[in-house]
Amino acid sequence: MNEHDQEIRRLVSANRILAQENVVDAFGHVSIRDPRNTDHYILSRSRSPELVEFSDLMEFTLDGEAIDQKDRIVYGERMIHGAIYESRPEINAV
């Protein structure tokens, strides 16, 4: 399994663990910087973290633009994630 696939699996797990431990509620979310392209990040579509699955994950530019949105609703707060990744290149998860 390559680094990208491992990180994606961890992101799905992180969403569920943070929800189970009450760190985030139905509206919380977690993202990772894309290990293949550090000018992108990966975040779930707008969905309760405890329900996040692989198919819910989406890739975004640092400006918060979805690479392949399809008909999925995105978090309004995604811009915060992009701003953090843009201003702090050493950060790999928000």
PDB file of N, CA and C in Angstrom:
ATOM      1  N   MET A   1       0.848  -1.178   0.000  1.00  0.00           N
ATOM      2  CA  MET A   1       0.000   0.000   0.000  1.00  0.00           C
ATOM      3  C   MET A   1       0.896   1.244   0.000  1.00  0.00           C
ATOM      4  N   ASN A   2       0.603   2.187  -0.877  1.00  0.00           N
ATOM      5  CA  ASN A   2       1.437   3.389  -0.964  1.00  0.00           C
ATOM      6  C   ASN A   2       1.053   4.410   0.118  1.00  0.00           C
ATOM      7  N   GLU A   3       1.876   5.441   0.239  1.00  0.00           N
ATOM      8  CA  GLU A   3       1.681   6.460   1.280  1.00  0.00           C
ATOM      9  C   GLU A   3       0.315   7.133   1.164  1.00  0.00           C
ATOM     10  N   HIS A   4      -0.098   7.442  -0.047  1.00  0.00           N
ATOM     11  CA  HIS A   4      -1.388   8.104  -0.260  1.00  0.00           C
ATOM     12  C   HIS A   4      -2.532   7.243   0.269  1.00  0.00           C
ATOM     13  N   ASP A   5      -2.544   5.970  -0.084  1.00  0.00           N
ATOM     14  CA  ASP A   5      -3.608   5.071   0.371  1.00  0.00           C
ATOM     15  C   ASP A   5      -3.612   4.933   1.885  1.00  0.00           C
ATOM     16  N   GLN A   6      -2.435   4.867   2.490  1.00  0.00           N
ATOM     17  CA  GLN A   6      -2.346   4.772   3.950  1.00  0.00           C
ATOM     18  C   GLN A   6      -2.918   6.021   4.609  1.00  0.00           C
ATOM     19  N   GLU A   7      -2.587   7.185   4.061  1.00  0.00           N
ATOM     20  CA  GLU A   7      -3.087   8.438   4.633  1.00  0.00           C
ATOM     21  C   GLU A   7      -4.598   8.544   4.488  1.00  0.00           C
ATOM     22  N   ILE A   8      -5.135   8.093   3.372  1.00  0.00           N
ATOM     23  CA  ILE A   8      -6.588   8.129   3.152  1.00  0.00           C
ATOM     24  C   ILE A   8      -7.287   7.235   4.178  1.00  0.00           C
ATOM     25  N   ARG A   9      -6.757   6.055   4.395  1.00  0.00           N
ATOM     26  CA  ARG A   9      -7.338   5.144   5.391  1.00  0.00           C
ATOM     27  C   ARG A   9      -7.289   5.774   6.784  1.00  0.00           C
ATOM     28  N   ARG A  10      -6.189   6.438   7.085  1.00  0.00           N
ATOM     29  CA  ARG A  10      -6.060   7.099   8.390  1.00  0.00           C
ATOM     30  C   ARG A  10      -7.068   8.243   8.529  1.00  0.00           C
ATOM     31  N   LEU A  11      -7.312   8.964   7.452  1.00  0.00           N
ATOM     32  CA  LEU A  11      -8.264  10.070   7.506  1.00  0.00           C
ATOM     33  C   LEU A  11      -9.672   9.570   7.794  1.00  0.00           C
ATOM     34  N   VAL A  12     -10.081   8.499   7.159  1.00  0.00           N
ATOM     35  CA  VAL A  12     -11.395   7.911   7.446  1.00  0.00           C
ATOM     36  C   VAL A  12     -11.450   7.503   8.917  1.00  0.00           C
ATOM     37  N   SER A  13     -10.411   6.820   9.389  1.00  0.00           N
ATOM     38  CA  SER A  13     -10.359   6.391  10.797  1.00  0.00           C
ATOM     39  C   SER A  13     -10.363   7.582  11.745  1.00  0.00           C
ATOM     40  N   ALA A  14      -9.617   8.615  11.417  1.00  0.00           N
ATOM     41  CA  ALA A  14      -9.544   9.801  12.278  1.00  0.00           C
ATOM     42  C   ALA A  14     -10.914  10.438  12.454  1.00  0.00           C
ATOM     43  N   ASN A  15     -11.671  10.552  11.377  1.00  0.00           N
ATOM     44  CA  ASN A  15     -13.021  11.108  11.480  1.00  0.00           C
ATOM     45  C   ASN A  15     -13.860  10.319  12.466  1.00  0.00           C
ATOM     46  N   ARG A  16     -13.834   9.019  12.326  1.00  0.00           N
ATOM     47  CA  ARG A  16     -14.666   8.160  13.183  1.00  0.00           C
ATOM     48  C   ARG A  16     -14.188   8.154  14.633  1.00  0.00           C
ATOM     49  N   ILE A  17     -12.882   8.107  14.836  1.00  0.00           N
ATOM     50  CA  ILE A  17     -12.338   8.101  16.196  1.00  0.00           C
ATOM     51  C   ILE A  17     -12.650   9.415  16.909  1.00  0.00           C
ATOM     52  N   LEU A  18     -12.440  10.533  16.233  1.00  0.00           N
ATOM     53  CA  LEU A  18     -12.706  11.833  16.856  1.00  0.00           C
ATOM     54  C   LEU A  18     -14.181  11.991  17.212  1.00  0.00           C
ATOM     55  N   ALA A  19     -15.060  11.440  16.391  1.00  0.00           N
ATOM     56  CA  ALA A  19     -16.488  11.489  16.701  1.00  0.00           C
ATOM     57  C   ALA A  19     -16.813  10.582  17.889  1.00  0.00           C
ATOM     58  N   GLN A  20     -16.262   9.381  17.889  1.00  0.00           N
ATOM     59  CA  GLN A  20     -16.526   8.434  18.972  1.00  0.00           C
ATOM     60  C   GLN A  20     -16.025   8.956  20.314  1.00  0.00           C
ATOM     61  N   GLU A  21     -14.908   9.673  20.289  1.00  0.00           N
ATOM     62  CA  GLU A  21     -14.332  10.213  21.522  1.00  0.00           C
ATOM     63  C   GLU A  21     -14.884  11.591  21.872  1.00  0.00           C
ATOM     64  N   ASN A  22     -15.885  12.055  21.131  1.00  0.00           N
ATOM     65  CA  ASN A  22     -16.547  13.344  21.356  1.00  0.00           C
ATOM     66  C   ASN A  22     -15.608  14.534  21.228  1.00  0.00           C
ATOM     67  N   VAL A  23     -14.586  14.404  20.403  1.00  0.00           N
ATOM     68  CA  VAL A  23     -13.698  15.531  20.119  1.00  0.00           C
ATOM     69  C   VAL A  23     -14.372  16.454  19.103  1.00  0.00           C
ATOM     70  N   VAL A  24     -15.082  15.851  18.151  1.00  0.00           N
ATOM     71  CA  VAL A  24     -15.893  16.607  17.202  1.00  0.00           C
ATOM     72  C   VAL A  24     -17.319  16.108  17.320  1.00  0.00           C
ATOM     73  N   ASP A  25     -18.256  16.968  16.949  1.00  0.00           N
ATOM     74  CA  ASP A  25     -19.648  16.535  16.969  1.00  0.00           C
ATOM     75  C   ASP A  25     -20.104  16.292  15.536  1.00  0.00           C
ATOM     76  N   ALA A  26     -21.374  16.349  15.298  1.00  0.00           N
ATOM     77  CA  ALA A  26     -21.907  16.073  13.961  1.00  0.00           C
ATOM     78  C   ALA A  26     -21.398  17.058  12.910  1.00  0.00           C
ATOM     79  N   PHE A  27     -20.859  18.186  13.340  1.00  0.00           N
ATOM     80  CA  PHE A  27     -20.415  19.198  12.392  1.00  0.00           C
ATOM     81  C   PHE A  27     -18.904  19.360  12.342  1.00  0.00           C
ATOM     82  N   GLY A  28     -18.148  18.587  13.107  1.00  0.00           N
ATOM     83  CA  GLY A  28     -16.694  18.695  13.097  1.00  0.00           C
ATOM     84  C   GLY A  28     -16.103  17.983  11.900  1.00  0.00           C
ATOM     85  N   HIS A  29     -14.852  18.288  11.601  1.00  0.00           N
ATOM     86  CA  HIS A  29     -14.209  17.641  10.475  1.00  0.00           C
ATOM     87  C   HIS A  29     -12.688  17.697  10.597  1.00  0.00           C
ATOM     88  N   VAL A  30     -12.045  16.792   9.890  1.00  0.00           N
ATOM     89  CA  VAL A  30     -10.596  16.689   9.898  1.00  0.00           C
ATOM     90  C   VAL A  30     -10.124  16.515   8.454  1.00  0.00           C
ATOM     91  N   SER A  31      -8.963  17.085   8.155  1.00  0.00           N
ATOM     92  CA  SER A  31      -8.416  16.987   6.805  1.00  0.00           C
ATOM     93  C   SER A  31      -6.937  16.633   6.871  1.00  0.00           C
ATOM     94  N   ILE A  32      -6.399  16.225   5.721  1.00  0.00           N
ATOM     95  CA  ILE A  32      -4.960  15.988   5.601  1.00  0.00           C
ATOM     96  C   ILE A  32      -4.456  16.683   4.342  1.00  0.00           C
ATOM     97  N   ARG A  33      -3.200  17.068   4.395  1.00  0.00           N
ATOM     98  CA  ARG A  33      -2.548  17.582   3.186  1.00  0.00           C
ATOM     99  C   ARG A  33      -2.335  16.385   2.267  1.00  0.00           C
ATOM    100  N   ASP A  34      -2.588  16.562   0.987  1.00  0.00           N
ATOM    101  CA  ASP A  34      -2.421  15.466   0.035  1.00  0.00           C
ATOM    102  C   ASP A  34      -0.937  15.142  -0.104  1.00  0.00           C
ATOM    103  N   PRO A  35      -0.508  13.916   0.235  1.00  0.00           N
ATOM    104  CA  PRO A  35       0.913  13.585   0.149  1.00  0.00           C
ATOM    105  C   PRO A  35       1.435  13.555  -1.286  1.00  0.00           C
ATOM    106  N   ARG A  36       0.534  13.449  -2.278  1.00  0.00           N
ATOM    107  CA  ARG A  36       0.948  13.441  -3.687  1.00  0.00           C
ATOM    108  C   ARG A  36       1.122  14.848  -4.240  1.00  0.00           C
ATOM    109  N   ASN A  37       0.370  15.798  -3.671  1.00  0.00           N
ATOM    110  CA  ASN A  37       0.379  17.175  -4.158  1.00  0.00           C
ATOM    111  C   ASN A  37       0.159  18.080  -2.949  1.00  0.00           C
ATOM    112  N   THR A  38       1.216  18.653  -2.432  1.00  0.00           N
ATOM    113  CA  THR A  38       1.121  19.424  -1.182  1.00  0.00           C
ATOM    114  C   THR A  38       0.353  20.738  -1.331  1.00  0.00           C
ATOM    115  N   ASP A  39      -0.037  21.094  -2.559  1.00  0.00           N
ATOM    116  CA  ASP A  39      -0.891  22.261  -2.772  1.00  0.00           C
ATOM    117  C   ASP A  39      -2.372  21.888  -2.747  1.00  0.00           C
ATOM    118  N   HIS A  40      -2.671  20.664  -2.336  1.00  0.00           N
ATOM    119  CA  HIS A  40      -4.046  20.180  -2.213  1.00  0.00           C
ATOM    120  C   HIS A  40      -4.220  19.547  -0.842  1.00  0.00           C
ATOM    121  N   TYR A  41      -5.460  19.446  -0.423  1.00  0.00           N
ATOM    122  CA  TYR A  41      -5.767  18.725   0.812  1.00  0.00           C
ATOM    123  C   TYR A  41      -7.005  17.877   0.597  1.00  0.00           C
ATOM    124  N   ILE A  42      -7.217  16.928   1.501  1.00  0.00           N
ATOM    125  CA  ILE A  42      -8.317  15.984   1.385  1.00  0.00           C
ATOM    126  C   ILE A  42      -9.209  16.141   2.608  1.00  0.00           C
ATOM    127  N   LEU A  43     -10.504  16.256   2.341  1.00  0.00           N
ATOM    128  CA  LEU A  43     -11.505  16.489   3.369  1.00  0.00           C
ATOM    129  C   LEU A  43     -12.774  15.774   2.939  1.00  0.00           C
ATOM    130  N   SER A  44     -13.542  15.303   3.879  1.00  0.00           N
ATOM    131  CA  SER A  44     -14.805  14.643   3.561  1.00  0.00           C
ATOM    132  C   SER A  44     -15.806  15.644   2.985  1.00  0.00           C
ATOM    133  N   ARG A  45     -16.742  15.128   2.234  1.00  0.00           N
ATOM    134  CA  ARG A  45     -17.905  15.948   1.872  1.00  0.00           C
ATOM    135  C   ARG A  45     -18.617  16.308   3.160  1.00  0.00           C
ATOM    136  N   SER A  46     -19.561  17.189   3.131  1.00  0.00           N
ATOM    137  CA  SER A  46     -20.289  17.598   4.329  1.00  0.00           C
ATOM    138  C   SER A  46     -21.107  16.412   4.846  1.00  0.00           C
ATOM    139  N   ARG A  47     -20.569  15.813   5.895  1.00  0.00           N
ATOM    140  CA  ARG A  47     -21.185  14.612   6.479  1.00  0.00           C
ATOM    141  C   ARG A  47     -20.707  14.463   7.914  1.00  0.00           C
ATOM    142  N   SER A  48     -21.546  13.899   8.763  1.00  0.00           N
ATOM    143  CA  SER A  48     -21.155  13.658  10.148  1.00  0.00           C
ATOM    144  C   SER A  48     -19.905  12.786  10.172  1.00  0.00           C
ATOM    145  N   PRO A  49     -18.882  13.167  10.949  1.00  0.00           N
ATOM    146  CA  PRO A  49     -17.620  12.424  10.962  1.00  0.00           C
ATOM    147  C   PRO A  49     -17.769  10.938  11.292  1.00  0.00           C
ATOM    148  N   GLU A  50     -18.738  10.592  12.099  1.00  0.00           N
ATOM    149  CA  GLU A  50     -18.899   9.183  12.474  1.00  0.00           C
ATOM    150  C   GLU A  50     -19.373   8.322  11.304  1.00  0.00           C
ATOM    151  N   LEU A  51     -19.819   8.956  10.227  1.00  0.00           N
ATOM    152  CA  LEU A  51     -20.323   8.224   9.066  1.00  0.00           C
ATOM    153  C   LEU A  51     -19.384   8.266   7.860  1.00  0.00           C
ATOM    154  N   VAL A  52     -18.271   8.975   7.973  1.00  0.00           N
ATOM    155  CA  VAL A  52     -17.376   9.169   6.833  1.00  0.00           C
ATOM    156  C   VAL A  52     -16.838   7.839   6.317  1.00  0.00           C
ATOM    157  N   GLU A  53     -16.900   7.700   4.996  1.00  0.00           N
ATOM    158  CA  GLU A  53     -16.366   6.539   4.290  1.00  0.00           C
ATOM    159  C   GLU A  53     -15.395   7.027   3.226  1.00  0.00           C
ATOM    160  N   PHE A  54     -14.640   6.114   2.668  1.00  0.00           N
ATOM    161  CA  PHE A  54     -13.663   6.447   1.632  1.00  0.00           C
ATOM    162  C   PHE A  54     -14.294   7.263   0.501  1.00  0.00           C
ATOM    163  N   SER A  55     -15.476   6.868   0.069  1.00  0.00           N
ATOM    164  CA  SER A  55     -16.133   7.543  -1.063  1.00  0.00           C
ATOM    165  C   SER A  55     -16.558   8.973  -0.741  1.00  0.00           C
ATOM    166  N   ASP A  56     -16.555   9.359   0.537  1.00  0.00           N
ATOM    167  CA  ASP A  56     -16.924  10.721   0.936  1.00  0.00           C
ATOM    168  C   ASP A  56     -15.766  11.703   0.809  1.00  0.00           C
ATOM    169  N   LEU A  57     -14.556  11.194   0.680  1.00  0.00           N
ATOM    170  CA  LEU A  57     -13.380  12.064   0.664  1.00  0.00           C
ATOM    171  C   LEU A  57     -13.247  12.779  -0.667  1.00  0.00           C
ATOM    172  N   MET A  58     -12.851  14.049  -0.567  1.00  0.00           N
ATOM    173  CA  MET A  58     -12.713  14.901  -1.742  1.00  0.00           C
ATOM    174  C   MET A  58     -11.379  15.623  -1.681  1.00  0.00           C
ATOM    175  N   GLU A  59     -10.857  15.953  -2.831  1.00  0.00           N
ATOM    176  CA  GLU A  59      -9.606  16.703  -2.919  1.00  0.00           C
ATOM    177  C   GLU A  59      -9.926  18.169  -3.207  1.00  0.00           C
ATOM    178  N   PHE A  60      -9.201  19.067  -2.526  1.00  0.00           N
ATOM    179  CA  PHE A  60      -9.422  20.504  -2.664  1.00  0.00           C
ATOM    180  C   PHE A  60      -8.111  21.219  -2.933  1.00  0.00           C
ATOM    181  N   THR A  61      -8.186  22.357  -3.629  1.00  0.00           N
ATOM    182  CA  THR A  61      -7.037  23.239  -3.756  1.00  0.00           C
ATOM    183  C   THR A  61      -6.930  24.039  -2.465  1.00  0.00           C
ATOM    184  N   LEU A  62      -5.827  24.727  -2.275  1.00  0.00           N
ATOM    185  CA  LEU A  62      -5.665  25.547  -1.072  1.00  0.00           C
ATOM    186  C   LEU A  62      -6.689  26.676  -1.010  1.00  0.00           C
ATOM    187  N   ASP A  63      -7.287  27.033  -2.147  1.00  0.00           N
ATOM    188  CA  ASP A  63      -8.345  28.051  -2.195  1.00  0.00           C
ATOM    189  C   ASP A  63      -9.716  27.485  -1.816  1.00  0.00           C
ATOM    190  N   GLY A  64      -9.773  26.172  -1.547  1.00  0.00           N
ATOM    191  CA  GLY A  64     -11.035  25.549  -1.164  1.00  0.00           C
ATOM    192  C   GLY A  64     -11.888  25.082  -2.318  1.00  0.00           C
ATOM    193  N   GLU A  65     -11.320  25.093  -3.527  1.00  0.00           N
ATOM    194  CA  GLU A  65     -12.064  24.627  -4.697  1.00  0.00           C
ATOM    195  C   GLU A  65     -11.981  23.108  -4.786  1.00  0.00           C
ATOM    196  N   ALA A  66     -13.132  22.459  -4.944  1.00  0.00           N
ATOM    197  CA  ALA A  66     -13.174  21.005  -5.070  1.00  0.00           C
ATOM    198  C   ALA A  66     -12.635  20.598  -6.441  1.00  0.00           C
ATOM    199  N   ILE A  67     -11.795  19.580  -6.457  1.00  0.00           N
ATOM    200  CA  ILE A  67     -11.240  19.078  -7.717  1.00  0.00           C
ATOM    201  C   ILE A  67     -12.312  18.331  -8.495  1.00  0.00           C
ATOM    202  N   ASP A  68     -13.130  17.524  -7.817  1.00  0.00           N
ATOM    203  CA  ASP A  68     -14.184  16.754  -8.475  1.00  0.00           C
ATOM    204  C   ASP A  68     -15.393  16.687  -7.547  1.00  0.00           C
ATOM    205  N   GLN A  69     -16.151  17.769  -7.496  1.00  0.00           N
ATOM    206  CA  GLN A  69     -17.243  17.881  -6.535  1.00  0.00           C
ATOM    207  C   GLN A  69     -18.404  16.950  -6.843  1.00  0.00           C
ATOM    208  N   LYS A  70     -18.669  16.714  -8.119  1.00  0.00           N
ATOM    209  CA  LYS A  70     -19.843  15.937  -8.541  1.00  0.00           C
ATOM    210  C   LYS A  70     -21.074  16.594  -7.929  1.00  0.00           C
ATOM    211  N   ASP A  71     -21.938  15.830  -7.291  1.00  0.00           N
ATOM    212  CA  ASP A  71     -23.149  16.419  -6.684  1.00  0.00           C
ATOM    213  C   ASP A  71     -23.038  16.467  -5.164  1.00  0.00           C
ATOM    214  N   ARG A  72     -21.815  16.416  -4.651  1.00  0.00           N
ATOM    215  CA  ARG A  72     -21.606  16.388  -3.198  1.00  0.00           C
ATOM    216  C   ARG A  72     -21.579  17.792  -2.604  1.00  0.00           C
ATOM    217  N   ILE A  73     -22.138  17.918  -1.413  1.00  0.00           N
ATOM    218  CA  ILE A  73     -22.131  19.180  -0.679  1.00  0.00           C
ATOM    219  C   ILE A  73     -20.833  19.247   0.114  1.00  0.00           C
ATOM    220  N   VAL A  74     -20.205  20.422   0.110  1.00  0.00           N
ATOM    221  CA  VAL A  74     -18.914  20.585   0.791  1.00  0.00           C
ATOM    222  C   VAL A  74     -19.086  21.434   2.051  1.00  0.00           C
ATOM    223  N   TYR A  75     -18.154  21.272   2.990  1.00  0.00           N
ATOM    224  CA  TYR A  75     -18.157  22.079   4.208  1.00  0.00           C
ATOM    225  C   TYR A  75     -17.864  23.538   3.871  1.00  0.00           C
ATOM    226  N   GLY A  76     -18.581  24.442   4.482  1.00  0.00           N
ATOM    227  CA  GLY A  76     -18.292  25.861   4.320  1.00  0.00           C
ATOM    228  C   GLY A  76     -16.956  26.244   4.935  1.00  0.00           C
ATOM    229  N   GLU A  77     -16.544  25.529   5.970  1.00  0.00           N
ATOM    230  CA  GLU A  77     -15.303  25.840   6.684  1.00  0.00           C
ATOM    231  C   GLU A  77     -14.058  25.320   5.975  1.00  0.00           C
ATOM    232  N   ARG A  78     -14.205  24.709   4.812  1.00  0.00           N
ATOM    233  CA  ARG A  78     -13.046  24.154   4.103  1.00  0.00           C
ATOM    234  C   ARG A  78     -11.988  25.226   3.823  1.00  0.00           C
ATOM    235  N   MET A  79     -12.397  26.469   3.687  1.00  0.00           N
ATOM    236  CA  MET A  79     -11.453  27.560   3.418  1.00  0.00           C
ATOM    237  C   MET A  79     -10.445  27.714   4.556  1.00  0.00           C
ATOM    238  N   ILE A  80     -10.886  27.436   5.783  1.00  0.00           N
ATOM    239  CA  ILE A  80      -9.987  27.524   6.940  1.00  0.00           C
ATOM    240  C   ILE A  80      -8.883  26.490   6.811  1.00  0.00           C
ATOM    241  N   HIS A  81      -9.246  25.294   6.400  1.00  0.00           N
ATOM    242  CA  HIS A  81      -8.254  24.230   6.217  1.00  0.00           C
ATOM    243  C   HIS A  81      -7.216  24.654   5.180  1.00  0.00           C
ATOM    244  N   GLY A  82      -7.696  25.158   4.043  1.00  0.00           N
ATOM    245  CA  GLY A  82      -6.782  25.595   2.985  1.00  0.00           C
ATOM    246  C   GLY A  82      -5.866  26.720   3.435  1.00  0.00           C
ATOM    247  N   ALA A  83      -6.408  27.664   4.190  1.00  0.00           N
ATOM    248  CA  ALA A  83      -5.594  28.790   4.664  1.00  0.00           C
ATOM    249  C   ALA A  83      -4.495  28.312   5.611  1.00  0.00           C
ATOM    250  N   ILE A  84      -4.817  27.348   6.445  1.00  0.00           N
ATOM    251  CA  ILE A  84      -3.799  26.806   7.360  1.00  0.00           C
ATOM    252  C   ILE A  84      -2.706  26.098   6.568  1.00  0.00           C
ATOM    253  N   TYR A  85      -3.096  25.255   5.628  1.00  0.00           N
ATOM    254  CA  TYR A  85      -2.092  24.537   4.820  1.00  0.00           C
ATOM    255  C   TYR A  85      -1.234  25.507   4.007  1.00  0.00           C
ATOM    256  N   GLU A  86      -1.853  26.573   3.507  1.00  0.00           N
ATOM    257  CA  GLU A  86      -1.107  27.540   2.702  1.00  0.00           C
ATOM    258  C   GLU A  86      -0.101  28.318   3.548  1.00  0.00           C
ATOM    259  N   SER A  87      -0.511  28.732   4.738  1.00  0.00           N
ATOM    260  CA  SER A  87       0.373  29.557   5.560  1.00  0.00           C
ATOM    261  C   SER A  87       1.371  28.745   6.386  1.00  0.00           C
ATOM    262  N   ARG A  88       1.111  27.466   6.550  1.00  0.00           N
ATOM    263  CA  ARG A  88       1.971  26.622   7.394  1.00  0.00           C
ATOM    264  C   ARG A  88       2.350  25.346   6.637  1.00  0.00           C
ATOM    265  N   PRO A  89       3.349  25.397   5.786  1.00  0.00           N
ATOM    266  CA  PRO A  89       3.710  24.227   4.959  1.00  0.00           C
ATOM    267  C   PRO A  89       4.136  23.005   5.755  1.00  0.00           C
ATOM    268  N   GLU A  90       4.494  23.175   7.013  1.00  0.00           N
ATOM    269  CA  GLU A  90       4.894  22.027   7.835  1.00  0.00           C
ATOM    270  C   GLU A  90       3.691  21.269   8.414  1.00  0.00           C
ATOM    271  N   ILE A  91       2.494  21.846   8.316  1.00  0.00           N
ATOM    272  CA  ILE A  91       1.268  21.223   8.837  1.00  0.00           C
ATOM    273  C   ILE A  91       0.733  20.234   7.813  1.00  0.00           C
ATOM    274  N   ASN A  92       0.424  19.029   8.269  1.00  0.00           N
ATOM    275  CA  ASN A  92      -0.069  17.990   7.369  1.00  0.00           C
ATOM    276  C   ASN A  92      -1.464  17.494   7.732  1.00  0.00           C
ATOM    277  N   ALA A  93      -2.064  18.016   8.802  1.00  0.00           N
ATOM    278  CA  ALA A  93      -3.424  17.637   9.189  1.00  0.00           C
ATOM    279  C   ALA A  93      -4.048  18.770   9.981  1.00  0.00           C
ATOM    280  N   VAL A  94      -5.342  18.969   9.760  1.00  0.00           N
ATOM    281  CA  VAL A  94      -6.112  19.990  10.468  1.00  0.00           C
ATOM    282  C   VAL A  94      -7.363  19.308  11.001  1.00  0.00           C
TER     283      VAL A  94
END
